[in-house]
C-alpha cells in the first residue's frame, strides 16, 4: 500500500508521481517521500482514493447482563459505548442486536435508531434482546450507517 502526498513545494531531484502527488511507500522501512521503488515506476493503472472528512463509527460493550423474568424467559441487556472516531458528524445510525446459531440463522432481532454523533463524540446506549430457548447461540451487535454495516461485536459465551 502506498499513499500520495500533496506538497505545496517541490522536492529537489524528485518528480511528481501523479497529479502533483509524491509517492510514499508505506510497507517498506526508511522510504522517503518521492522515492519510487523500481517495481512501481511507470505504472499507469493506478486507482486513486482521495481521503475526505468522514465519520468512523465503532462500539464496545461496557456491560452485558442476562436477566430471567418471572415467566422463565431470559433476555440480555447490553450497554454499549458508541464512538465517532472520524472527522465528520455521523447520521442515520442504527444499532442491531440478535442471537445467531451455528449456521448463522438470526433470532430475536432488536433495533434502535441513535441520534447523530459529532466527530469525537461518545454515547452510551442500551439494547435488550430475548435469549432463544433451547438453541445454542451467540449474541451479536452491529452498527449501521445508512443501512451499511460498519462495525460488529459478538459474545464469546454461548447461550442458552
C-alpha atoms as a PDB file:
ATOM      1  CA  UNK A   1       0.000   0.000   0.000  1.00  0.00           C
ATOM      2  CA  UNK A   2       1.312   3.399  -0.892  1.00  0.00           C
ATOM      3  CA  UNK A   3      -0.050   6.884  -0.482  1.00  0.00           C
ATOM      4  CA  UNK A   4       0.283  10.048  -2.487  1.00  0.00           C
ATOM      5  CA  UNK A   5       1.441  13.099  -0.564  1.00  0.00           C
ATOM      6  CA  UNK A   6       0.498  16.539  -1.821  1.00  0.00           C
ATOM      7  CA  UNK A   7       3.064  19.204  -1.011  1.00  0.00           C
ATOM      8  CA  UNK A   8       2.991  22.927  -1.764  1.00  0.00           C
ATOM      9  CA  UNK A   9       6.649  22.796  -2.696  1.00  0.00           C
ATOM     10  CA  UNK A  10       8.872  20.722  -4.923  1.00  0.00           C
ATOM     11  CA  UNK A  11      11.405  18.223  -3.640  1.00  0.00           C
ATOM     12  CA  UNK A  12      14.765  18.566  -5.434  1.00  0.00           C
ATOM     13  CA  UNK A  13      15.657  15.549  -7.588  1.00  0.00           C
ATOM     14  CA  UNK A  14      12.155  14.027  -7.310  1.00  0.00           C
ATOM     15  CA  UNK A  15       9.313  14.328  -9.771  1.00  0.00           C
ATOM     16  CA  UNK A  16       5.612  14.109  -9.100  1.00  0.00           C
ATOM     17  CA  UNK A  17       4.181  10.626  -9.384  1.00  0.00           C
ATOM     18  CA  UNK A  18       0.671  11.560 -10.472  1.00  0.00           C
ATOM     19  CA  UNK A  19      -1.413  14.758 -10.381  1.00  0.00           C
ATOM     20  CA  UNK A  20       1.085  16.729  -8.241  1.00  0.00           C
ATOM     21  CA  UNK A  21       1.341  13.981  -5.602  1.00  0.00           C
ATOM     22  CA  UNK A  22       4.612  12.484  -4.443  1.00  0.00           C
ATOM     23  CA  UNK A  23       4.822   8.731  -3.955  1.00  0.00           C
ATOM     24  CA  UNK A  24       5.190   7.477  -0.352  1.00  0.00           C
ATOM     25  CA  UNK A  25       5.782   3.752   0.152  1.00  0.00           C
ATOM     26  CA  UNK A  26       4.202   2.592   3.421  1.00  0.00           C
ATOM     27  CA  UNK A  27       5.201  -1.086   3.551  1.00  0.00           C
ATOM     28  CA  UNK A  28       8.999  -0.670   3.411  1.00  0.00           C
ATOM     29  CA  UNK A  29      11.067   0.862   6.192  1.00  0.00           C
ATOM     30  CA  UNK A  30      13.108   4.008   5.634  1.00  0.00           C
ATOM     31  CA  UNK A  31      11.474   5.050   2.367  1.00  0.00           C
ATOM     32  CA  UNK A  32      11.492   8.803   1.816  1.00  0.00           C
ATOM     33  CA  UNK A  33       8.728  10.815   0.192  1.00  0.00           C
ATOM     34  CA  UNK A  34       9.144  10.881  -3.574  1.00  0.00           C
ATOM     35  CA  UNK A  35      11.355   7.789  -3.777  1.00  0.00           C
ATOM     36  CA  UNK A  36       9.546   5.378  -6.102  1.00  0.00           C
ATOM     37  CA  UNK A  37      10.510   1.687  -5.864  1.00  0.00           C
ATOM     38  CA  UNK A  38      11.521   0.334  -9.305  1.00  0.00           C
ATOM     39  CA  UNK A  39       8.538  -2.044  -9.479  1.00  0.00           C
ATOM     40  CA  UNK A  40       6.127   0.942  -9.366  1.00  0.00           C
ATOM     41  CA  UNK A  41       7.878   3.253 -11.816  1.00  0.00           C
ATOM     42  CA  UNK A  42       5.877   3.997 -14.936  1.00  0.00           C
ATOM     43  CA  UNK A  43       2.655   2.282 -13.825  1.00  0.00           C
ATOM     44  CA  UNK A  44      -0.459   3.739 -15.414  1.00  0.00           C
ATOM     45  CA  UNK A  45      -3.239   1.554 -13.989  1.00  0.00           C
ATOM     46  CA  UNK A  46      -3.429   3.462 -10.706  1.00  0.00           C
ATOM     47  CA  UNK A  47      -6.583   3.801  -8.652  1.00  0.00           C
ATOM     48  CA  UNK A  48      -6.750   6.980  -6.594  1.00  0.00           C
ATOM     49  CA  UNK A  49      -8.847   7.019  -3.426  1.00  0.00           C
ATOM     50  CA  UNK A  50      -8.996  10.574  -2.102  1.00  0.00           C
ATOM     51  CA  UNK A  51      -9.176  10.997   1.652  1.00  0.00           C
ATOM     52  CA  UNK A  52     -12.052  13.160   2.777  1.00  0.00           C
ATOM     53  CA  UNK A  53     -13.702  14.079   6.026  1.00  0.00           C
ATOM     54  CA  UNK A  54     -15.930  11.243   7.115  1.00  0.00           C
ATOM     55  CA  UNK A  55     -17.363   9.550  10.139  1.00  0.00           C
ATOM     56  CA  UNK A  56     -15.855   6.384  11.578  1.00  0.00           C
ATOM     57  CA  UNK A  57     -18.242   4.638  13.938  1.00  0.00           C
ATOM     58  CA  UNK A  58     -17.187   1.921  16.388  1.00  0.00           C
ATOM     59  CA  UNK A  59     -18.622   0.397  19.549  1.00  0.00           C
ATOM     60  CA  UNK A  60     -17.593  -1.658  22.530  1.00  0.00           C
ATOM     61  CA  UNK A  61     -19.637  -3.468  25.130  1.00  0.00           C
ATOM     62  CA  UNK A  62     -19.471  -1.834  28.524  1.00  0.00           C
ATOM     63  CA  UNK A  63     -21.709  -4.373  30.198  1.00  0.00           C
ATOM     64  CA  UNK A  64     -23.838  -7.342  29.105  1.00  0.00           C
ATOM     65  CA  UNK A  65     -26.152  -8.792  31.735  1.00  0.00           C
ATOM     66  CA  UNK A  66     -28.504 -11.753  31.462  1.00  0.00           C
ATOM     67  CA  UNK A  67     -31.867 -11.486  33.205  1.00  0.00           C
ATOM     68  CA  UNK A  68     -34.604 -14.049  33.862  1.00  0.00           C
ATOM     69  CA  UNK A  69     -38.181 -12.812  34.182  1.00  0.00           C
ATOM     70  CA  UNK A  70     -40.874 -14.500  36.294  1.00  0.00           C
ATOM     71  CA  UNK A  71     -42.211 -16.369  33.230  1.00  0.00           C
ATOM     72  CA  UNK A  72     -38.827 -18.103  32.924  1.00  0.00           C
ATOM     73  CA  UNK A  73     -37.843 -16.275  29.754  1.00  0.00           C
ATOM     74  CA  UNK A  74     -34.346 -14.780  29.538  1.00  0.00           C
ATOM     75  CA  UNK A  75     -33.026 -11.649  27.917  1.00  0.00           C
ATOM     76  CA  UNK A  76     -29.656  -9.935  27.697  1.00  0.00           C
ATOM     77  CA  UNK A  77     -29.280  -6.204  28.244  1.00  0.00           C
ATOM     78  CA  UNK A  78     -26.175  -4.838  26.532  1.00  0.00           C
ATOM     79  CA  UNK A  79     -24.762  -1.444  27.390  1.00  0.00           C
ATOM     80  CA  UNK A  80     -22.575  -0.211  24.555  1.00  0.00           C
ATOM     81  CA  UNK A  81     -20.353   2.801  24.105  1.00  0.00           C
ATOM     82  CA  UNK A  82     -20.680   4.176  20.575  1.00  0.00           C
ATOM     83  CA  UNK A  83     -17.888   6.434  19.403  1.00  0.00           C
ATOM     84  CA  UNK A  84     -17.409   8.502  16.276  1.00  0.00           C
ATOM     85  CA  UNK A  85     -13.654   8.241  15.656  1.00  0.00           C
ATOM     86  CA  UNK A  86     -13.907  10.128  12.379  1.00  0.00           C
ATOM     87  CA  UNK A  87     -13.670  13.758  11.402  1.00  0.00           C
ATOM     88  CA  UNK A  88     -17.288  14.328  10.370  1.00  0.00           C
ATOM     89  CA  UNK A  89     -20.708  14.045  12.030  1.00  0.00           C
ATOM     90  CA  UNK A  90     -22.348  10.600  11.825  1.00  0.00           C
ATOM     91  CA  UNK A  91     -26.024  10.471  10.918  1.00  0.00           C
ATOM     92  CA  UNK A  92     -28.521   7.683  10.139  1.00  0.00           C
ATOM     93  CA  UNK A  93     -27.130   5.378  12.861  1.00  0.00           C
ATOM     94  CA  UNK A  94     -28.876   2.119  13.680  1.00  0.00           C
ATOM     95  CA  UNK A  95     -27.854  -0.407  16.331  1.00  0.00           C
ATOM     96  CA  UNK A  96     -28.941  -4.017  15.805  1.00  0.00           C
ATOM     97  CA  UNK A  97     -28.691  -6.891  18.216  1.00  0.00           C
ATOM     98  CA  UNK A  98     -29.665 -10.533  17.713  1.00  0.00           C
ATOM     99  CA  UNK A  99     -28.715 -14.094  18.552  1.00  0.00           C
ATOM    100  CA  UNK A 100     -27.174 -16.362  15.900  1.00  0.00           C
ATOM    101  CA  UNK A 101     -26.962 -20.149  15.783  1.00  0.00           C
ATOM    102  CA  UNK A 102     -24.188 -22.303  14.300  1.00  0.00           C
ATOM    103  CA  UNK A 103     -25.457 -21.827  10.738  1.00  0.00           C
ATOM    104  CA  UNK A 104     -25.872 -18.023  11.086  1.00  0.00           C
ATOM    105  CA  UNK A 105     -29.641 -18.145  11.475  1.00  0.00           C
ATOM    106  CA  UNK A 106     -30.787 -14.992  13.291  1.00  0.00           C
ATOM    107  CA  UNK A 107     -33.150 -14.908  16.299  1.00  0.00           C
ATOM    108  CA  UNK A 108     -34.973 -12.080  18.085  1.00  0.00           C
ATOM    109  CA  UNK A 109     -33.567  -9.111  16.193  1.00  0.00           C
ATOM    110  CA  UNK A 110     -33.858  -5.806  18.072  1.00  0.00           C
ATOM    111  CA  UNK A 111     -33.037  -2.455  16.514  1.00  0.00           C
ATOM    112  CA  UNK A 112     -32.751   1.104  17.679  1.00  0.00           C
ATOM    113  CA  UNK A 113     -32.047   4.399  15.979  1.00  0.00           C
ATOM    114  CA  UNK A 114     -29.383   6.624  17.508  1.00  0.00           C
ATOM    115  CA  UNK A 115     -29.298  10.382  17.109  1.00  0.00           C
ATOM    116  CA  UNK A 116     -26.304  11.841  15.223  1.00  0.00           C
ATOM    117  CA  UNK A 117     -22.831  11.752  16.791  1.00  0.00           C
ATOM    118  CA  UNK A 118     -20.403  14.623  16.294  1.00  0.00           C
ATOM    119  CA  UNK A 119     -16.782  13.877  15.431  1.00  0.00           C
ATOM    120  CA  UNK A 120     -15.072  12.564  18.582  1.00  0.00           C
ATOM    121  CA  UNK A 121     -18.359  12.145  20.471  1.00  0.00           C
ATOM    122  CA  UNK A 122     -19.165   9.071  22.585  1.00  0.00           C
ATOM    123  CA  UNK A 123     -22.595   7.904  23.712  1.00  0.00           C
ATOM    124  CA  UNK A 124     -23.847   5.120  25.979  1.00  0.00           C
ATOM    125  CA  UNK A 125     -26.758   3.146  24.511  1.00  0.00           C
ATOM    126  CA  UNK A 126     -28.615   0.113  25.782  1.00  0.00           C
ATOM    127  CA  UNK A 127     -30.317  -2.692  23.879  1.00  0.00           C
ATOM    128  CA  UNK A 128     -32.202  -5.729  25.223  1.00  0.00           C
ATOM    129  CA  UNK A 129     -32.533  -8.956  23.228  1.00  0.00           C
ATOM    130  CA  UNK A 130     -34.551 -12.058  24.221  1.00  0.00           C
ATOM    131  CA  UNK A 131     -32.480 -15.251  24.518  1.00  0.00           C
ATOM    132  CA  UNK A 132     -33.919 -18.006  22.295  1.00  0.00           C
ATOM    133  CA  UNK A 133     -34.743 -21.054  24.438  1.00  0.00           C
ATOM    134  CA  UNK A 134     -33.129 -24.451  23.843  1.00  0.00           C
ATOM    135  CA  UNK A 135     -30.897 -23.279  20.970  1.00  0.00           C
ATOM    136  CA  UNK A 136     -27.145 -22.768  21.189  1.00  0.00           C
ATOM    137  CA  UNK A 137     -26.475 -19.201  20.044  1.00  0.00           C
ATOM    138  CA  UNK A 138     -24.123 -16.259  20.329  1.00  0.00           C
ATOM    139  CA  UNK A 139     -25.098 -12.609  20.707  1.00  0.00           C
ATOM    140  CA  UNK A 140     -24.011 -10.107  18.052  1.00  0.00           C
ATOM    141  CA  UNK A 141     -24.419  -6.352  17.964  1.00  0.00           C
ATOM    142  CA  UNK A 142     -23.912  -4.374  14.797  1.00  0.00           C
ATOM    143  CA  UNK A 143     -23.720  -0.700  13.875  1.00  0.00           C
ATOM    144  CA  UNK A 144     -25.161   0.531  10.598  1.00  0.00           C
ATOM    145  CA  UNK A 145     -24.791   3.882   8.866  1.00  0.00           C
ATOM    146  CA  UNK A 146     -27.263   4.431   6.018  1.00  0.00           C
ATOM    147  CA  UNK A 147     -28.120   0.688   6.069  1.00  0.00           C
ATOM    148  CA  UNK A 148     -24.467  -0.367   5.654  1.00  0.00           C
ATOM    149  CA  UNK A 149     -22.886  -2.358   8.498  1.00  0.00           C
ATOM    150  CA  UNK A 150     -19.742  -0.591   9.720  1.00  0.00           C
ATOM    151  CA  UNK A 151     -18.902  -2.395  12.990  1.00  0.00           C
ATOM    152  CA  UNK A 152     -19.777  -5.683  14.719  1.00  0.00           C
ATOM    153  CA  UNK A 153     -19.139  -7.326  18.100  1.00  0.00           C
ATOM    154  CA  UNK A 154     -20.043 -10.832  19.240  1.00  0.00           C
ATOM    155  CA  UNK A 155     -20.135 -12.686  22.526  1.00  0.00           C
ATOM    156  CA  UNK A 156     -17.504 -15.233  23.436  1.00  0.00           C
ATOM    157  CA  UNK A 157     -20.056 -17.151  25.503  1.00  0.00           C
ATOM    158  CA  UNK A 158     -22.814 -19.295  24.054  1.00  0.00           C
ATOM    159  CA  UNK A 159     -26.443 -19.157  25.102  1.00  0.00           C
ATOM    160  CA  UNK A 160     -28.847 -20.569  26.445  1.00  0.00           C
END
